[in-house]
Amino acid sequence: MAIEIKVPSIGESITEVTLSKWIKKEGDWVDRDEVIAELESEKATFEINAEQAGILHTIAKEDDTLNIGDVVCTIDNEAAKPAGAEKPEEEKKEEPKSAEVKPESKVEDKEKTDQPKEEKKDVKATPVAAAMMADRKVDVSIIKPSGSQGRITKNDVLGALENPGRALGKELFSREESPKKMSNLRRTISRRLVEAKNSTAMLTTFNEVDMSAIMELRTKYKETFKKTHEVGLGFMSFFTKAVCFALQEWPAVNSRLD
């Protein structure tokens, strides 16, 4: 017999929710009261549990908008429990016994933990690139090697120095878009923020930032920039570049409410 799992009533003013995430997948075995999915309303995120143990059969998909009382999934409580889902109690009881550590094994564990540290020091790089990294004290983890057999080249080090805020493994200033449906919670927050801005008096806050490095850079290249481009070097270009790097690392900030 299949048991239907429906969207529960979570408040008088809430009529629909969004299925944000399936914790259990189609065909998985679920135990009684086990969390199987996460739902998101315009006020909060909550979980739904399995009413009976059995095989899960999903109906709704992630990011679907569901009304209160809609069927999310069904559970076949007459199905046999798979052999892989059974965990003998004897194994659980024996686990604490195996946790006893002998003094000799502690020395071996220390040797094992020291080995990965030695492997991290072995970095493949050309002689010129290695000298540049040592001179500029560049972190190897921020450099993406492009040479043969994973070697770091001179151009890789120069690229890391010219673009210090670049996200690893991503193309710089790419035009790729990944549209995602805005959840009810984010939609409500956006609507309330706009309402608050239009109907209440807003205060402006200021955060102090150390601009000494930018001031020195602007003073150094101000005259050269003026002669080359016939326009003064202001601060807006620095702010714009910082925002571009920030949006590359946190693209969700650039999303919008359609």
C-alpha atoms as a PDB file:
ATOM      1  CA  MET A   1       0.000   0.000   0.000  1.00  0.00           C
ATOM      2  CA  ALA A   2       1.387   3.381  -0.982  1.00  0.00           C
ATOM      3  CA  ILE A   3       1.164   6.181   1.586  1.00  0.00           C
ATOM      4  CA  GLU A   4       0.873   9.728   0.238  1.00  0.00           C
ATOM      5  CA  ILE A   5       3.046  12.428   1.797  1.00  0.00           C
ATOM      6  CA  LYS A   6       1.350  15.817   1.408  1.00  0.00           C
ATOM      7  CA  VAL A   7       2.447  19.392   2.030  1.00  0.00           C
ATOM      8  CA  PRO A   8       1.395  20.151   5.619  1.00  0.00           C
ATOM      9  CA  SER A   9      -0.385  23.315   6.711  1.00  0.00           C
ATOM     10  CA  ILE A  10       2.168  25.642   8.264  1.00  0.00           C
ATOM     11  CA  GLY A  11       0.147  28.826   8.771  1.00  0.00           C
ATOM     12  CA  GLU A  12      -3.081  30.577   7.886  1.00  0.00           C
ATOM     13  CA  SER A  13      -1.468  33.128   5.558  1.00  0.00           C
ATOM     14  CA  ILE A  14       0.738  30.622   3.663  1.00  0.00           C
ATOM     15  CA  THR A  15      -0.925  28.956   0.681  1.00  0.00           C
ATOM     16  CA  GLU A  16       2.056  27.669  -1.305  1.00  0.00           C
ATOM     17  CA  VAL A  17       5.614  26.477  -0.759  1.00  0.00           C
ATOM     18  CA  THR A  18       8.640  25.598  -2.877  1.00  0.00           C
ATOM     19  CA  LEU A  19      10.344  22.212  -2.855  1.00  0.00           C
ATOM     20  CA  SER A  20      13.917  23.395  -2.351  1.00  0.00           C
ATOM     21  CA  LYS A  21      15.761  20.083  -1.940  1.00  0.00           C
ATOM     22  CA  TRP A  22      15.254  16.332  -1.953  1.00  0.00           C
ATOM     23  CA  ILE A  23      17.285  14.772   0.855  1.00  0.00           C
ATOM     24  CA  LYS A  24      16.267  11.245  -0.189  1.00  0.00           C
ATOM     25  CA  LYS A  25      16.178  10.209  -3.832  1.00  0.00           C
ATOM     26  CA  GLU A  26      13.778   8.131  -5.931  1.00  0.00           C
ATOM     27  CA  GLY A  27      13.863   4.471  -4.888  1.00  0.00           C
ATOM     28  CA  ASP A  28      15.694   5.051  -1.589  1.00  0.00           C
ATOM     29  CA  TRP A  29      14.690   3.253   1.569  1.00  0.00           C
ATOM     30  CA  VAL A  30      13.443   5.622   4.288  1.00  0.00           C
ATOM     31  CA  ASP A  31      12.775   4.890   7.929  1.00  0.00           C
ATOM     32  CA  ARG A  32       9.851   6.180   9.931  1.00  0.00           C
ATOM     33  CA  ASP A  33      10.200   9.903  10.891  1.00  0.00           C
ATOM     34  CA  GLU A  34      13.297  10.259   8.680  1.00  0.00           C
ATOM     35  CA  VAL A  35      13.706  13.617   6.901  1.00  0.00           C
ATOM     36  CA  ILE A  36      13.083  13.171   3.179  1.00  0.00           C
ATOM     37  CA  ALA A  37      12.825  16.730   1.766  1.00  0.00           C
ATOM     38  CA  GLU A  38      13.082  20.440   2.526  1.00  0.00           C
ATOM     39  CA  LEU A  39      10.284  22.906   1.767  1.00  0.00           C
ATOM     40  CA  GLU A  40      10.610  26.665   1.720  1.00  0.00           C
ATOM     41  CA  SER A  41       7.805  29.130   2.305  1.00  0.00           C
ATOM     42  CA  GLU A  42       7.823  32.903   2.196  1.00  0.00           C
ATOM     43  CA  LYS A  43       8.619  32.948   5.914  1.00  0.00           C
ATOM     44  CA  ALA A  44      10.831  29.969   6.728  1.00  0.00           C
ATOM     45  CA  THR A  45      12.357  26.675   5.624  1.00  0.00           C
ATOM     46  CA  PHE A  46      11.052  23.451   7.141  1.00  0.00           C
ATOM     47  CA  GLU A  47      11.394  19.701   6.640  1.00  0.00           C
ATOM     48  CA  ILE A  48       8.943  16.909   5.923  1.00  0.00           C
ATOM     49  CA  ASN A  49       9.357  13.449   7.416  1.00  0.00           C
ATOM     50  CA  ALA A  50       8.403   9.968   6.364  1.00  0.00           C
ATOM     51  CA  GLU A  51       5.202   8.811   8.062  1.00  0.00           C
ATOM     52  CA  GLN A  52       6.070   5.124   7.529  1.00  0.00           C
ATOM     53  CA  ALA A  53       9.147   3.126   6.582  1.00  0.00           C
ATOM     54  CA  GLY A  54       9.375   1.953   2.975  1.00  0.00           C
ATOM     55  CA  ILE A  55      10.560   2.717  -0.548  1.00  0.00           C
ATOM     56  CA  LEU A  56      10.333   6.374  -1.581  1.00  0.00           C
ATOM     57  CA  HIS A  57       8.719   7.358  -4.902  1.00  0.00           C
ATOM     58  CA  THR A  58       9.033  11.078  -5.659  1.00  0.00           C
ATOM     59  CA  ILE A  59       6.301  13.006  -7.480  1.00  0.00           C
ATOM     60  CA  ALA A  60       7.266  16.678  -7.187  1.00  0.00           C
ATOM     61  CA  LYS A  61      10.597  17.964  -8.448  1.00  0.00           C
ATOM     62  CA  GLU A  62      13.038  20.423  -6.944  1.00  0.00           C
ATOM     63  CA  ASP A  63      12.075  24.118  -7.383  1.00  0.00           C
ATOM     64  CA  ASP A  64       8.430  23.151  -7.964  1.00  0.00           C
ATOM     65  CA  THR A  65       5.795  25.399  -6.399  1.00  0.00           C
ATOM     66  CA  LEU A  66       3.265  23.357  -4.420  1.00  0.00           C
ATOM     67  CA  ASN A  67       0.005  24.280  -2.746  1.00  0.00           C
ATOM     68  CA  ILE A  68      -0.894  23.206   0.755  1.00  0.00           C
ATOM     69  CA  GLY A  69      -2.222  19.649   0.586  1.00  0.00           C
ATOM     70  CA  ASP A  70      -0.477  18.686  -2.668  1.00  0.00           C
ATOM     71  CA  VAL A  71       1.151  15.258  -2.801  1.00  0.00           C
ATOM     72  CA  VAL A  72       4.932  15.489  -2.646  1.00  0.00           C
ATOM     73  CA  CYS A  73       5.752  11.775  -2.815  1.00  0.00           C
ATOM     74  CA  THR A  74       4.525   8.319  -1.908  1.00  0.00           C
ATOM     75  CA  ILE A  75       6.039   5.630   0.309  1.00  0.00           C
ATOM     76  CA  ASP A  76       5.531   1.927  -0.386  1.00  0.00           C
ATOM     77  CA  ASN A  77       5.406   0.547   3.150  1.00  0.00           C
ATOM     78  CA  GLU A  78       4.822  -3.028   1.952  1.00  0.00           C
ATOM     79  CA  ALA A  79       8.154  -3.244   0.110  1.00  0.00           C
ATOM     80  CA  ALA A  80      10.951  -5.326   1.592  1.00  0.00           C
ATOM     81  CA  LYS A  81      13.894  -3.503   3.109  1.00  0.00           C
ATOM     82  CA  PRO A  82      17.012  -3.809   0.890  1.00  0.00           C
ATOM     83  CA  ALA A  83      19.919  -5.758   2.255  1.00  0.00           C
ATOM     84  CA  GLY A  84      22.279  -2.797   1.889  1.00  0.00           C
ATOM     85  CA  ALA A  85      20.087  -0.618   4.107  1.00  0.00           C
ATOM     86  CA  GLU A  86      20.387  -2.974   7.093  1.00  0.00           C
ATOM     87  CA  LYS A  87      23.090  -2.199   9.647  1.00  0.00           C
ATOM     88  CA  PRO A  88      23.668  -5.010  12.137  1.00  0.00           C
ATOM     89  CA  GLU A  89      23.715  -3.881  15.742  1.00  0.00           C
ATOM     90  CA  GLU A  90      26.737  -6.070  16.449  1.00  0.00           C
ATOM     91  CA  GLU A  91      28.936  -3.907  14.206  1.00  0.00           C
ATOM     92  CA  LYS A  92      27.814  -0.761  16.023  1.00  0.00           C
ATOM     93  CA  LYS A  93      28.698  -2.277  19.391  1.00  0.00           C
ATOM     94  CA  GLU A  94      32.153  -3.382  18.207  1.00  0.00           C
ATOM     95  CA  GLU A  95      33.128   0.058  16.898  1.00  0.00           C
ATOM     96  CA  PRO A  96      33.993   1.597  20.322  1.00  0.00           C
ATOM     97  CA  LYS A  97      36.289  -1.360  21.077  1.00  0.00           C
ATOM     98  CA  SER A  98      38.320  -0.760  17.932  1.00  0.00           C
ATOM     99  CA  ALA A  99      38.817   2.858  18.951  1.00  0.00           C
ATOM    100  CA  GLU A 100      41.511   1.867  21.460  1.00  0.00           C
ATOM    101  CA  VAL A 101      44.860   3.193  20.232  1.00  0.00           C
ATOM    102  CA  LYS A 102      48.122   1.591  21.223  1.00  0.00           C
ATOM    103  CA  PRO A 103      51.144   3.792  21.974  1.00  0.00           C
ATOM    104  CA  GLU A 104      53.043   2.348  18.998  1.00  0.00           C
ATOM    105  CA  SER A 105      50.262   3.293  16.574  1.00  0.00           C
ATOM    106  CA  LYS A 106      50.494   6.951  17.645  1.00  0.00           C
ATOM    107  CA  VAL A 107      53.996   7.167  16.211  1.00  0.00           C
ATOM    108  CA  GLU A 108      52.805   5.631  12.939  1.00  0.00           C
ATOM    109  CA  ASP A 109      49.904   8.101  12.754  1.00  0.00           C
ATOM    110  CA  LYS A 110      52.301  11.023  13.155  1.00  0.00           C
ATOM    111  CA  GLU A 111      54.436   9.711  10.307  1.00  0.00           C
ATOM    112  CA  LYS A 112      51.380   9.391   8.080  1.00  0.00           C
ATOM    113  CA  THR A 113      50.224  12.929   8.842  1.00  0.00           C
ATOM    114  CA  ASP A 114      53.672  14.287   8.024  1.00  0.00           C
ATOM    115  CA  GLN A 115      53.721  12.725   4.565  1.00  0.00           C
ATOM    116  CA  PRO A 116      51.072  14.970   2.905  1.00  0.00           C
ATOM    117  CA  LYS A 117      52.932  18.071   4.119  1.00  0.00           C
ATOM    118  CA  GLU A 118      56.070  16.954   2.265  1.00  0.00           C
ATOM    119  CA  GLU A 119      54.057  16.302  -0.896  1.00  0.00           C
ATOM    120  CA  LYS A 120      52.603  19.829  -0.872  1.00  0.00           C
ATOM    121  CA  LYS A 121      56.120  21.322  -1.007  1.00  0.00           C
ATOM    122  CA  ASP A 122      56.852  19.524  -4.292  1.00  0.00           C
ATOM    123  CA  VAL A 123      55.470  22.087  -6.774  1.00  0.00           C
ATOM    124  CA  LYS A 124      56.078  21.775 -10.512  1.00  0.00           C
ATOM    125  CA  ALA A 125      57.139  25.137 -11.924  1.00  0.00           C
ATOM    126  CA  THR A 126      59.619  26.514 -14.419  1.00  0.00           C
ATOM    127  CA  PRO A 127      62.776  28.121 -12.964  1.00  0.00           C
ATOM    128  CA  VAL A 128      61.596  31.618 -13.912  1.00  0.00           C
ATOM    129  CA  ALA A 129      58.142  31.050 -12.393  1.00  0.00           C
ATOM    130  CA  ALA A 130      59.642  29.599  -9.194  1.00  0.00           C
ATOM    131  CA  ALA A 131      61.928  32.626  -8.820  1.00  0.00           C
ATOM    132  CA  MET A 132      59.014  35.026  -9.355  1.00  0.00           C
ATOM    133  CA  MET A 133      56.838  33.222  -6.790  1.00  0.00           C
ATOM    134  CA  ALA A 134      59.641  33.298  -4.227  1.00  0.00           C
ATOM    135  CA  ASP A 135      60.380  36.976  -4.889  1.00  0.00           C
ATOM    136  CA  ARG A 136      56.752  38.145  -4.788  1.00  0.00           C
ATOM    137  CA  LYS A 137      55.714  35.587  -2.124  1.00  0.00           C
ATOM    138  CA  VAL A 138      52.830  34.330  -4.241  1.00  0.00           C
ATOM    139  CA  ASP A 139      50.605  31.589  -2.817  1.00  0.00           C
ATOM    140  CA  VAL A 140      50.837  28.529  -5.070  1.00  0.00           C
ATOM    141  CA  SER A 141      47.195  27.588  -4.400  1.00  0.00           C
ATOM    142  CA  ILE A 142      45.889  30.664  -6.282  1.00  0.00           C
ATOM    143  CA  ILE A 143      47.790  29.840  -9.476  1.00  0.00           C
ATOM    144  CA  LYS A 144      46.252  27.616 -12.150  1.00  0.00           C
ATOM    145  CA  PRO A 145      49.059  25.864 -14.086  1.00  0.00           C
ATOM    146  CA  SER A 146      48.847  25.873 -17.873  1.00  0.00           C
ATOM    147  CA  GLY A 147      52.209  24.336 -18.783  1.00  0.00           C
ATOM    148  CA  SER A 148      52.967  20.783 -19.809  1.00  0.00           C
ATOM    149  CA  GLN A 149      52.479  18.104 -17.126  1.00  0.00           C
ATOM    150  CA  GLY A 150      50.844  20.648 -14.819  1.00  0.00           C
ATOM    151  CA  ARG A 151      53.808  23.024 -14.611  1.00  0.00           C
ATOM    152  CA  ILE A 152      53.396  26.629 -13.534  1.00  0.00           C
ATOM    153  CA  THR A 153      54.759  29.015 -16.145  1.00  0.00           C
ATOM    154  CA  LYS A 154      55.815  32.651 -16.052  1.00  0.00           C
ATOM    155  CA  ASN A 155      52.532  33.746 -17.642  1.00  0.00           C
ATOM    156  CA  ASP A 156      50.567  31.915 -14.930  1.00  0.00           C
ATOM    157  CA  VAL A 157      52.367  33.870 -12.194  1.00  0.00           C
ATOM    158  CA  LEU A 158      51.897  37.166 -14.051  1.00  0.00           C
ATOM    159  CA  GLY A 159      48.204  36.420 -14.508  1.00  0.00           C
ATOM    160  CA  ALA A 160      47.807  35.763 -10.764  1.00  0.00           C
ATOM    161  CA  LEU A 161      49.576  39.037  -9.935  1.00  0.00           C
ATOM    162  CA  GLU A 162      47.496  41.077 -12.401  1.00  0.00           C
ATOM    163  CA  ASN A 163      44.184  39.546 -11.266  1.00  0.00           C
ATOM    164  CA  PRO A 164      44.476  39.012  -7.490  1.00  0.00           C
ATOM    165  CA  GLY A 165      40.723  38.644  -6.971  1.00  0.00           C
ATOM    166  CA  ARG A 166      40.085  36.108  -9.712  1.00  0.00           C
ATOM    167  CA  ALA A 167      38.079  33.039  -8.671  1.00  0.00           C
ATOM    168  CA  LEU A 168      39.880  29.736  -9.165  1.00  0.00           C
ATOM    169  CA  GLY A 169      38.817  27.578 -12.093  1.00  0.00           C
ATOM    170  CA  LYS A 170      36.560  30.240 -13.616  1.00  0.00           C
ATOM    171  CA  GLU A 171      36.943  32.328 -16.725  1.00  0.00           C
ATOM    172  CA  LEU A 172      37.561  35.976 -15.885  1.00  0.00           C
ATOM    173  CA  PHE A 173      34.660  38.344 -16.701  1.00  0.00           C
ATOM    174  CA  SER A 174      32.738  35.638 -18.539  1.00  0.00           C
ATOM    175  CA  ARG A 175      29.250  36.360 -19.913  1.00  0.00           C
ATOM    176  CA  GLU A 176      27.823  32.998 -18.911  1.00  0.00           C
ATOM    177  CA  GLU A 177      24.434  33.073 -17.209  1.00  0.00           C
ATOM    178  CA  SER A 178      22.693  30.431 -15.151  1.00  0.00           C
ATOM    179  CA  PRO A 179      19.074  31.483 -14.541  1.00  0.00           C
ATOM    180  CA  LYS A 180      17.528  30.070 -11.392  1.00  0.00           C
ATOM    181  CA  LYS A 181      14.035  30.423 -10.048  1.00  0.00           C
ATOM    182  CA  MET A 182      13.846  32.758  -7.074  1.00  0.00           C
ATOM    183  CA  SER A 183      12.481  31.093  -3.968  1.00  0.00           C
ATOM    184  CA  ASN A 184       9.429  32.371  -2.109  1.00  0.00           C
ATOM    185  CA  LEU A 185      11.589  33.438   0.810  1.00  0.00           C
ATOM    186  CA  ARG A 186      13.919  35.573  -1.319  1.00  0.00           C
ATOM    187  CA  ARG A 187      10.970  36.994  -3.264  1.00  0.00           C
ATOM    188  CA  THR A 188       9.294  38.066  -0.026  1.00  0.00           C
ATOM    189  CA  ILE A 189      12.504  39.628   1.287  1.00  0.00           C
ATOM    190  CA  SER A 190      12.959  41.589  -1.962  1.00  0.00           C
ATOM    191  CA  ARG A 191       9.366  42.834  -1.909  1.00  0.00           C
ATOM    192  CA  ARG A 192       9.591  43.911   1.738  1.00  0.00           C
ATOM    193  CA  LEU A 193      12.883  45.748   1.155  1.00  0.00           C
ATOM    194  CA  VAL A 194      11.382  47.704  -1.743  1.00  0.00           C
ATOM    195  CA  GLU A 195       8.295  48.517   0.330  1.00  0.00           C
ATOM    196  CA  ALA A 196      10.473  49.682   3.214  1.00  0.00           C
ATOM    197  CA  LYS A 197      12.556  51.898   0.913  1.00  0.00           C
ATOM    198  CA  ASN A 198       9.468  53.523  -0.619  1.00  0.00           C
ATOM    199  CA  SER A 199       7.473  54.040   2.571  1.00  0.00           C
ATOM    200  CA  THR A 200       9.969  54.755   5.354  1.00  0.00           C
ATOM    201  CA  ALA A 201      12.784  57.208   6.018  1.00  0.00           C
ATOM    202  CA  MET A 202      16.112  55.529   5.282  1.00  0.00           C
ATOM    203  CA  LEU A 203      19.428  56.261   6.956  1.00  0.00           C
ATOM    204  CA  THR A 204      22.781  56.084   5.208  1.00  0.00           C
ATOM    205  CA  THR A 205      25.648  54.268   6.901  1.00  0.00           C
ATOM    206  CA  PHE A 206      29.336  54.752   6.131  1.00  0.00           C
ATOM    207  CA  ASN A 207      32.137  52.226   6.414  1.00  0.00           C
ATOM    208  CA  GLU A 208      35.737  53.374   6.613  1.00  0.00           C
ATOM    209  CA  VAL A 209      38.169  51.688   4.191  1.00  0.00           C
ATOM    210  CA  ASP A 210      41.945  51.976   4.024  1.00  0.00           C
ATOM    211  CA  MET A 211      42.528  53.738   0.678  1.00  0.00           C
ATOM    212  CA  SER A 212      46.244  54.425   1.146  1.00  0.00           C
ATOM    213  CA  ALA A 213      47.345  51.859  -1.472  1.00  0.00           C
ATOM    214  CA  ILE A 214      44.914  53.249  -4.058  1.00  0.00           C
ATOM    215  CA  MET A 215      45.954  56.829  -3.257  1.00  0.00           C
ATOM    216  CA  GLU A 216      49.615  55.962  -3.832  1.00  0.00           C
ATOM    217  CA  LEU A 217      48.821  54.161  -7.093  1.00  0.00           C
ATOM    218  CA  ARG A 218      46.715  57.090  -8.332  1.00  0.00           C
ATOM    219  CA  THR A 219      49.388  59.639  -7.425  1.00  0.00           C
ATOM    220  CA  LYS A 220      52.059  57.598  -9.200  1.00  0.00           C
ATOM    221  CA  TYR A 221      50.191  57.137 -12.506  1.00  0.00           C
ATOM    222  CA  LYS A 222      47.890  60.175 -12.535  1.00  0.00           C
ATOM    223  CA  GLU A 223      49.957  62.292 -14.938  1.00  0.00           C
ATOM    224  CA  THR A 224      50.799  59.356 -17.238  1.00  0.00           C
ATOM    225  CA  PHE A 225      47.139  58.337 -17.380  1.00  0.00           C
ATOM    226  CA  LYS A 226      46.129  61.914 -18.190  1.00  0.00           C
ATOM    227  CA  LYS A 227      48.578  62.159 -21.097  1.00  0.00           C
ATOM    228  CA  THR A 228      47.655  58.758 -22.526  1.00  0.00           C
ATOM    229  CA  HIS A 229      43.857  58.849 -22.279  1.00  0.00           C
ATOM    230  CA  GLU A 230      43.225  62.632 -21.955  1.00  0.00           C
ATOM    231  CA  VAL A 231      41.044  62.074 -18.926  1.00  0.00           C
ATOM    232  CA  GLY A 232      41.741  62.189 -15.211  1.00  0.00           C
ATOM    233  CA  LEU A 233      42.281  59.001 -13.229  1.00  0.00           C
ATOM    234  CA  GLY A 234      39.510  58.917 -10.633  1.00  0.00           C
ATOM    235  CA  PHE A 235      38.472  56.444  -7.976  1.00  0.00           C
ATOM    236  CA  MET A 236      35.430  55.028  -9.759  1.00  0.00           C
ATOM    237  CA  SER A 237      37.547  52.685 -11.905  1.00  0.00           C
ATOM    238  CA  PHE A 238      39.021  51.089  -8.769  1.00  0.00           C
ATOM    239  CA  PHE A 239      35.572  50.670  -7.229  1.00  0.00           C
ATOM    240  CA  THR A 240      34.203  49.161 -10.441  1.00  0.00           C
ATOM    241  CA  LYS A 241      37.025  46.635 -10.689  1.00  0.00           C
ATOM    242  CA  ALA A 242      36.535  45.604  -7.051  1.00  0.00           C
ATOM    243  CA  VAL A 243      32.798  45.086  -7.667  1.00  0.00           C
ATOM    244  CA  CYS A 244      33.519  42.997 -10.793  1.00  0.00           C
ATOM    245  CA  PHE A 245      35.836  40.703  -8.835  1.00  0.00           C
ATOM    246  CA  ALA A 246      33.273  40.405  -6.030  1.00  0.00           C
ATOM    247  CA  LEU A 247      30.507  39.432  -8.471  1.00  0.00           C
ATOM    248  CA  GLN A 248      32.772  36.785  -9.987  1.00  0.00           C
ATOM    249  CA  GLU A 249      33.150  35.185  -6.554  1.00  0.00           C
ATOM    250  CA  TRP A 250      29.524  35.637  -5.419  1.00  0.00           C
ATOM    251  CA  PRO A 251      27.374  35.582  -8.615  1.00  0.00           C
ATOM    252  CA  ALA A 252      24.152  35.225  -6.631  1.00  0.00           C
ATOM    253  CA  VAL A 253      24.434  38.906  -5.645  1.00  0.00           C
ATOM    254  CA  ASN A 254      23.903  39.805  -9.290  1.00  0.00           C
ATOM    255  CA  SER A 255      20.537  38.009  -9.463  1.00  0.00           C
ATOM    256  CA  ARG A 256      17.334  39.930  -9.954  1.00  0.00           C
ATOM    257  CA  LEU A 257      13.617  39.610  -9.299  1.00  0.00           C
ATOM    258  CA  ASP A 258      11.732  39.146 -12.584  1.00  0.00           C
END
